[in-house]
Amino acid sequence: MRALKTLRGPALLTLASLLAGCSKLVVLNPAGDVAAQQGRLVVMATVLMLLIIVPVIILTLLFAWRYRQNGRRADTDYDPDWHHSTKLELVIWAAPLVIVIALGALTWISTHQLDPYRPLDRLAAGKPVPENVRPLEVQVVALDWKWLFVLPEQGIATVNELAAPVDRPIHFKLTSSTTMNAFYVPDLAGMVYTMPGMQTELHAVINKPGVFHGISSHYSGTGFSGMSFKFHGVSDQEFAQWVAKAKAEGQPLTRAAYSELAKPSERTPVMRFSSVDADLYRRVLNLCVEDGQTCMHEVMARDATRNRSHASALALAAASEDAMCTAETRKDLQEF
């Protein structure tokens, strides 16, 4: 006991120092409206489930204590004089049923409201998106092991760094170069997967200025732990300065430069590109960056044409066979 008392002080001090680094839970207190709505959904779902979990735990402990072996009621026979209770059955079955219905309704509504493909209709609670505001388009490519951000409207690209104006909708288009990954900025919105040859989307907004942490939330190989980036929430003026800095300091991101960039590397420092090949993202998405490669959409178009031609040929053959059978049947009937 004396040893435990001796260790209690340092242990509490260590625990306090660890908790001091967690001044807030990002998921429950984010800087973006979409992430805030998702955080409230987590809280509401947890509270609804606790309405069942907490009473069950309390009653379990109460019965264990009340009818323990050495307790006053240990020798008392627990022999209730009933075999069925309608009231008890209603409580036992109705309460979970109501919770499940409430969770189902909440999840169904929130799934549609927080669909990452759904354009934003508000910047924050009680603050709708102005009609004259265009979303900031950001094309995201998950590389091994770094993040490439292309801003087509601004004509620049960056690696492991992204900035966006506060209270401006952001429209992310995401894909991957080689393997499945997941894009996640906890202050901005929930994670969205990226896959080679496919495009996913995310609509979000940042409501507070600051520097926020972005990560890869899906294991993707050796450099996964260092695949992080900084997301800057800035004013319109600071965003213009950030774009100007990329144009002044960066080099052009051509298809050849992208091929070099796409080679696996770990903990890649921030890189900026002053211009971007206008067709680069489309080629990355369709897996045809290198010269001579056939793009995925061209392959799919050929397959679709081939399938339609094959289906037409089968339909024509079936029609000819039907016509032949009809003629033979008519001849047989005439002879009969």
Protein backbone atom coordinates (compact mmCIF):
# COMPACT_ATOMS: atom_id res chain seq x y z
CA MET A 1 0.00 0.00 0.00
CA ARG A 2 2.86 2.37 0.83
CA ALA A 3 4.37 1.71 -2.59
CA LEU A 4 1.03 2.46 -4.25
CA LYS A 5 0.74 5.73 -2.37
CA THR A 6 4.28 6.61 -3.43
CA LEU A 7 3.47 5.96 -7.09
CA ARG A 8 0.08 7.68 -6.99
CA GLY A 9 1.51 11.21 -7.21
CA PRO A 10 3.78 10.65 -10.25
CA ALA A 11 1.05 8.59 -11.95
CA LEU A 12 -1.52 11.35 -11.55
CA LEU A 13 0.99 13.93 -12.73
CA THR A 14 1.78 11.85 -15.83
CA LEU A 15 -1.91 11.34 -16.57
CA ALA A 16 -2.59 15.06 -16.19
CA SER A 17 0.26 15.94 -18.54
CA LEU A 18 -1.07 13.50 -21.14
CA LEU A 19 -4.59 14.90 -20.88
CA ALA A 20 -3.25 18.44 -21.11
CA GLY A 21 -2.33 17.76 -24.72
CA CYS A 22 -5.97 16.87 -25.41
CA SER A 23 -7.37 20.31 -24.64
CA LYS A 24 -10.31 19.47 -26.87
CA LEU A 25 -11.71 16.56 -28.77
CA VAL A 26 -11.50 17.64 -32.39
CA VAL A 27 -14.34 15.42 -33.53
CA LEU A 28 -16.72 16.99 -31.00
CA ASN A 29 -15.45 20.56 -31.34
CA PRO A 30 -14.30 21.05 -34.95
CA ALA A 31 -13.78 24.23 -36.92
CA GLY A 32 -16.01 23.27 -39.86
CA ASP A 33 -19.80 23.10 -40.04
CA VAL A 34 -19.98 19.66 -41.69
CA ALA A 35 -17.68 18.13 -39.08
CA ALA A 36 -19.70 19.87 -36.34
CA GLN A 37 -22.92 18.29 -37.60
CA GLN A 38 -21.23 14.89 -37.70
CA GLY A 39 -19.98 15.41 -34.14
CA ARG A 40 -23.49 16.20 -32.92
CA LEU A 41 -24.74 13.07 -34.66
CA VAL A 42 -22.18 10.99 -32.75
CA VAL A 43 -23.27 12.55 -29.45
CA MET A 44 -26.99 12.05 -30.12
CA ALA A 45 -26.52 8.42 -31.17
CA THR A 46 -24.38 7.74 -28.10
CA VAL A 47 -26.93 9.29 -25.74
CA LEU A 48 -29.77 7.26 -27.28
CA MET A 49 -27.81 4.03 -26.83
CA LEU A 50 -26.87 4.94 -23.26
CA LEU A 51 -30.58 5.14 -22.41
CA ILE A 52 -30.56 1.35 -22.60
CA ILE A 53 -26.97 0.58 -21.60
CA VAL A 54 -26.85 2.57 -18.36
CA PRO A 55 -30.05 1.14 -16.77
CA VAL A 56 -28.97 -2.41 -17.69
CA ILE A 57 -25.56 -1.91 -16.06
CA ILE A 58 -27.09 -0.36 -12.94
CA LEU A 59 -29.67 -3.13 -12.54
CA THR A 60 -27.02 -5.80 -13.09
CA LEU A 61 -24.84 -4.37 -10.32
CA LEU A 62 -27.87 -3.85 -8.07
CA PHE A 63 -29.05 -7.46 -8.38
CA ALA A 64 -25.51 -8.78 -7.94
CA TRP A 65 -25.14 -6.77 -4.71
CA ARG A 66 -28.62 -7.37 -3.37
CA TYR A 67 -28.57 -11.13 -3.81
CA ARG A 68 -24.86 -11.75 -3.10
CA GLN A 69 -23.91 -14.92 -1.22
CA ASN A 70 -23.10 -13.27 2.12
CA GLY A 71 -25.82 -10.63 1.99
CA ARG A 72 -28.88 -10.31 4.16
CA ARG A 73 -31.08 -11.71 1.38
CA ALA A 74 -28.80 -14.66 0.63
CA ASP A 75 -31.12 -17.15 2.33
CA THR A 76 -34.25 -15.63 0.90
CA ASP A 77 -35.81 -17.64 -1.86
CA TYR A 78 -36.42 -15.54 -4.91
CA ASP A 79 -39.75 -17.06 -5.91
CA PRO A 80 -42.06 -14.52 -7.56
CA ASP A 81 -45.74 -15.41 -7.58
CA TRP A 82 -46.26 -14.61 -11.26
CA HIS A 83 -45.27 -16.23 -14.51
CA HIS A 84 -46.04 -13.33 -16.85
CA SER A 85 -46.15 -9.54 -16.54
CA THR A 86 -47.57 -7.51 -19.40
CA LYS A 87 -46.16 -4.29 -17.98
CA LEU A 88 -42.67 -5.77 -17.66
CA GLU A 89 -42.80 -7.23 -21.16
CA LEU A 90 -43.86 -3.86 -22.56
CA VAL A 91 -40.91 -2.15 -20.84
CA ILE A 92 -38.44 -4.84 -21.93
CA TRP A 93 -39.45 -4.79 -25.60
CA ALA A 94 -40.85 -1.30 -26.14
CA ALA A 95 -37.85 0.65 -24.85
CA PRO A 96 -35.28 -0.96 -27.21
CA LEU A 97 -37.78 -0.76 -30.07
CA VAL A 98 -38.24 2.97 -29.56
CA ILE A 99 -34.46 3.46 -29.39
CA VAL A 100 -33.93 1.50 -32.61
CA ILE A 101 -36.65 3.49 -34.40
CA ALA A 102 -35.18 6.78 -33.18
CA LEU A 103 -31.64 5.75 -34.23
CA GLY A 104 -32.92 4.59 -37.62
CA ALA A 105 -34.76 7.86 -38.28
CA LEU A 106 -31.80 9.94 -37.10
CA THR A 107 -29.35 7.96 -39.23
CA TRP A 108 -31.57 8.07 -42.33
CA ILE A 109 -32.03 11.85 -42.15
CA SER A 110 -28.37 12.55 -41.34
CA THR A 111 -27.12 10.21 -44.08
CA HIS A 112 -28.88 12.36 -46.68
CA GLN A 113 -28.06 15.71 -45.08
CA LEU A 114 -24.37 14.89 -44.64
CA ASP A 115 -23.87 13.04 -47.92
CA PRO A 116 -20.33 14.06 -49.03
CA TYR A 117 -21.56 14.31 -52.65
CA ARG A 118 -24.32 16.76 -51.69
CA PRO A 119 -23.46 20.45 -52.31
CA LEU A 120 -23.64 22.61 -49.21
CA ASP A 121 -26.76 24.65 -48.58
CA ARG A 122 -25.34 26.46 -45.55
CA LEU A 123 -22.02 27.73 -44.22
CA ALA A 124 -23.08 27.37 -40.60
CA ALA A 125 -26.26 27.16 -38.55
CA GLY A 126 -28.54 29.98 -39.70
CA LYS A 127 -26.04 31.07 -42.37
CA PRO A 128 -27.02 29.90 -45.88
CA VAL A 129 -24.58 29.86 -48.77
CA PRO A 130 -24.76 33.19 -50.68
CA GLU A 131 -25.95 32.85 -54.26
CA ASN A 132 -22.90 34.58 -55.73
CA VAL A 133 -20.33 32.34 -53.96
CA ARG A 134 -18.70 29.62 -56.06
CA PRO A 135 -17.18 26.60 -54.30
CA LEU A 136 -13.42 26.34 -54.34
CA GLU A 137 -12.59 23.30 -56.46
CA VAL A 138 -9.72 21.15 -55.20
CA GLN A 139 -8.53 18.06 -57.06
CA VAL A 140 -6.86 15.64 -54.65
CA VAL A 141 -4.52 12.80 -55.62
CA ALA A 142 -3.30 10.33 -52.98
CA LEU A 143 0.28 9.41 -53.89
CA ASP A 144 2.78 7.10 -52.18
CA TRP A 145 3.11 8.62 -49.53
CA LYS A 146 2.05 12.22 -49.94
CA TRP A 147 -0.94 14.32 -50.95
CA LEU A 148 -1.14 16.30 -54.19
CA PHE A 149 -3.62 19.17 -54.33
CA VAL A 150 -4.50 20.78 -57.66
CA LEU A 151 -6.50 24.03 -57.75
CA PRO A 152 -7.61 24.32 -61.39
CA GLU A 153 -9.25 27.73 -60.99
CA GLN A 154 -6.03 29.20 -59.57
CA GLY A 155 -3.79 27.16 -61.87
CA ILE A 156 -1.48 25.93 -59.11
CA ALA A 157 -0.71 22.71 -57.24
CA THR A 158 0.86 21.87 -53.89
CA VAL A 159 2.12 18.81 -52.06
CA ASN A 160 1.28 18.24 -48.38
CA GLU A 161 -0.19 21.72 -47.95
CA LEU A 162 -3.59 23.20 -48.71
CA ALA A 163 -5.27 26.52 -47.96
CA ALA A 164 -8.88 27.63 -48.31
CA PRO A 165 -10.76 30.83 -47.47
CA VAL A 166 -12.88 30.81 -44.33
CA ASP A 167 -16.64 30.49 -44.97
CA ARG A 168 -16.24 29.48 -48.59
CA PRO A 169 -17.61 26.10 -49.73
CA ILE A 170 -14.97 23.64 -50.89
CA HIS A 171 -15.64 20.98 -53.50
CA PHE A 172 -13.09 18.18 -53.34
CA LYS A 173 -12.64 15.69 -56.19
CA LEU A 174 -10.49 12.81 -55.02
CA THR A 175 -8.65 9.91 -56.60
CA SER A 176 -5.54 7.82 -55.98
CA SER A 177 -2.48 6.96 -58.03
CA THR A 178 -1.79 3.37 -57.01
CA THR A 179 -3.60 2.10 -53.92
CA MET A 180 -6.72 2.76 -51.89
CA ASN A 181 -6.39 5.52 -49.32
CA ALA A 182 -8.54 7.84 -47.19
CA PHE A 183 -8.52 11.65 -47.00
CA TYR A 184 -9.32 13.02 -43.54
CA VAL A 185 -9.21 16.48 -41.97
CA PRO A 186 -11.04 16.05 -38.62
CA ASP A 187 -11.81 19.78 -38.35
CA LEU A 188 -13.30 19.85 -41.84
CA ALA A 189 -15.45 16.75 -42.40
CA GLY A 190 -15.46 12.98 -42.18
CA MET A 191 -12.99 10.83 -44.06
CA VAL A 192 -13.50 10.00 -47.74
CA TYR A 193 -11.85 7.12 -49.53
CA THR A 194 -9.74 7.50 -52.65
CA MET A 195 -9.28 4.72 -55.20
CA PRO A 196 -7.25 4.48 -58.41
CA GLY A 197 -9.34 4.80 -61.54
CA MET A 198 -12.30 6.16 -59.58
CA GLN A 199 -13.37 9.59 -58.31
CA THR A 200 -15.01 10.36 -54.99
CA GLU A 201 -16.27 13.76 -53.87
CA LEU A 202 -16.55 15.79 -50.69
CA HIS A 203 -18.28 19.10 -49.98
CA ALA A 204 -17.12 20.94 -46.84
CA VAL A 205 -16.38 24.36 -45.35
CA ILE A 206 -13.98 25.73 -42.74
CA ASN A 207 -15.49 28.34 -40.42
CA LYS A 208 -12.49 29.39 -38.33
CA PRO A 209 -9.01 30.59 -39.31
CA GLY A 210 -6.12 28.41 -38.25
CA VAL A 211 -3.82 25.57 -39.19
CA PHE A 212 -5.45 22.14 -39.06
CA HIS A 213 -4.05 18.64 -39.31
CA GLY A 214 -4.87 16.40 -42.26
CA ILE A 215 -3.98 12.72 -42.43
CA SER A 216 -4.30 9.50 -44.33
CA SER A 217 -6.71 7.41 -42.27
CA HIS A 218 -6.32 4.19 -44.25
CA TYR A 219 -3.15 2.10 -44.12
CA SER A 220 -1.40 2.25 -47.47
CA GLY A 221 2.10 0.94 -46.96
CA THR A 222 5.50 1.78 -45.52
CA GLY A 223 5.17 5.58 -45.48
CA PHE A 224 1.61 5.65 -44.16
CA SER A 225 2.52 7.13 -40.75
CA GLY A 226 4.13 10.18 -42.34
CA MET A 227 1.40 10.82 -44.91
CA SER A 228 0.01 13.99 -43.34
CA PHE A 229 -0.47 17.60 -44.40
CA LYS A 230 -1.39 21.04 -43.10
CA PHE A 231 -4.74 22.59 -43.98
CA HIS A 232 -4.83 26.38 -43.58
CA GLY A 233 -8.07 28.25 -42.98
CA VAL A 234 -7.33 31.81 -44.11
CA SER A 235 -8.98 35.04 -45.18
CA ASP A 236 -9.58 35.87 -48.84
CA GLN A 237 -6.56 38.17 -48.85
CA GLU A 238 -4.29 35.58 -47.25
CA PHE A 239 -5.52 32.97 -49.71
CA ALA A 240 -4.61 35.25 -52.62
CA GLN A 241 -1.14 35.69 -51.09
CA TRP A 242 -0.77 31.93 -50.70
CA VAL A 243 -1.65 31.43 -54.37
CA ALA A 244 0.77 34.17 -55.42
CA LYS A 245 3.53 32.53 -53.38
CA ALA A 246 2.99 29.23 -55.18
CA LYS A 247 3.10 30.97 -58.56
CA ALA A 248 6.29 32.81 -57.63
CA GLU A 249 8.23 29.97 -56.00
CA GLY A 250 6.99 26.86 -57.77
CA GLN A 251 7.89 25.02 -60.94
CA PRO A 252 5.44 23.85 -63.63
CA LEU A 253 3.74 20.53 -62.90
CA THR A 254 3.94 18.79 -66.24
CA ARG A 255 3.11 15.17 -66.92
CA ALA A 256 6.82 14.33 -66.75
CA ALA A 257 7.15 16.15 -63.42
CA TYR A 258 4.13 14.31 -62.10
CA SER A 259 5.67 10.95 -63.06
CA GLU A 260 8.71 11.81 -60.95
CA LEU A 261 6.52 13.08 -58.10
CA ALA A 262 4.41 9.91 -58.11
CA LYS A 263 7.41 7.74 -57.23
CA PRO A 264 7.18 6.47 -53.63
CA SER A 265 8.75 8.77 -51.04
CA GLU A 266 8.30 9.23 -47.29
CA ARG A 267 7.78 12.41 -45.27
CA THR A 268 7.96 14.60 -48.36
CA PRO A 269 8.33 18.32 -47.54
CA VAL A 270 5.88 20.92 -48.81
CA MET A 271 6.18 21.51 -52.55
CA ARG A 272 4.56 24.18 -54.71
CA PHE A 273 3.91 24.28 -58.46
CA SER A 274 3.33 27.52 -60.35
CA SER A 275 1.25 25.91 -63.11
CA VAL A 276 -0.41 22.58 -63.84
CA ASP A 277 -0.94 20.63 -67.04
CA ALA A 278 -4.60 21.33 -67.82
CA ASP A 279 -5.29 17.66 -68.58
CA LEU A 280 -3.25 16.18 -65.71
CA TYR A 281 -6.00 15.30 -63.23
CA ARG A 282 -8.17 13.70 -65.93
CA ARG A 283 -5.23 11.55 -67.00
CA VAL A 284 -4.40 10.60 -63.40
CA LEU A 285 -8.02 9.61 -62.86
CA ASN A 286 -8.06 7.55 -66.06
CA LEU A 287 -4.62 5.98 -65.38
CA CYS A 288 -3.02 7.27 -68.59
CA VAL A 289 -0.44 9.85 -67.55
CA GLU A 290 2.38 8.16 -69.46
CA ASP A 291 2.52 8.50 -73.23
CA GLY A 292 1.09 5.50 -75.07
CA GLN A 293 -1.23 4.46 -72.23
CA THR A 294 -4.89 3.99 -73.11
CA CYS A 295 -7.18 5.95 -70.80
CA MET A 296 -9.77 4.09 -68.74
CA HIS A 297 -12.70 6.04 -70.19
CA GLU A 298 -11.59 5.10 -73.70
CA VAL A 299 -11.37 1.42 -72.74
CA MET A 300 -14.83 1.56 -71.17
CA ALA A 301 -16.25 3.33 -74.25
CA ARG A 302 -14.84 0.60 -76.51
CA ASP A 303 -16.23 -2.12 -74.26
CA ALA A 304 -19.64 -0.43 -74.23
CA THR A 305 -19.61 -0.17 -78.05
CA ARG A 306 -18.50 -3.80 -78.36
CA ASN A 307 -21.23 -4.93 -75.97
CA ARG A 308 -23.88 -2.96 -77.85
CA SER A 309 -22.71 -4.43 -81.17
CA HIS A 310 -22.75 -7.92 -79.69
CA ALA A 311 -26.23 -7.37 -78.23
CA SER A 312 -27.47 -6.03 -81.59
CA ALA A 313 -26.04 -9.04 -83.38
CA LEU A 314 -27.72 -11.41 -80.94
CA ALA A 315 -31.03 -9.55 -81.30
CA LEU A 316 -30.76 -9.71 -85.12
CA ALA A 317 -29.95 -13.41 -85.02
CA ALA A 318 -32.87 -14.05 -82.66
CA ALA A 319 -35.21 -12.07 -84.93
CA SER A 320 -33.99 -13.97 -88.00
CA GLU A 321 -34.46 -17.28 -86.21
CA ASP A 322 -37.98 -16.28 -85.17
CA ALA A 323 -38.79 -15.22 -88.72
CA MET A 324 -37.44 -18.51 -90.08
CA CYS A 325 -39.42 -20.51 -87.54
CA THR A 326 -42.54 -18.52 -88.39
CA ALA A 327 -42.11 -19.16 -92.12
CA GLU A 328 -41.53 -22.90 -91.57
CA THR A 329 -44.55 -23.07 -89.28
CA ARG A 330 -46.71 -21.29 -91.88
CA LYS A 331 -45.51 -23.72 -94.59
CA ASP A 332 -46.28 -26.71 -92.38
CA LEU A 333 -49.76 -25.40 -91.69
CA GLN A 334 -50.41 -24.87 -95.42
CA GLU A 335 -49.28 -28.42 -96.23
CA PHE A 336 -51.46 -29.73 -93.40
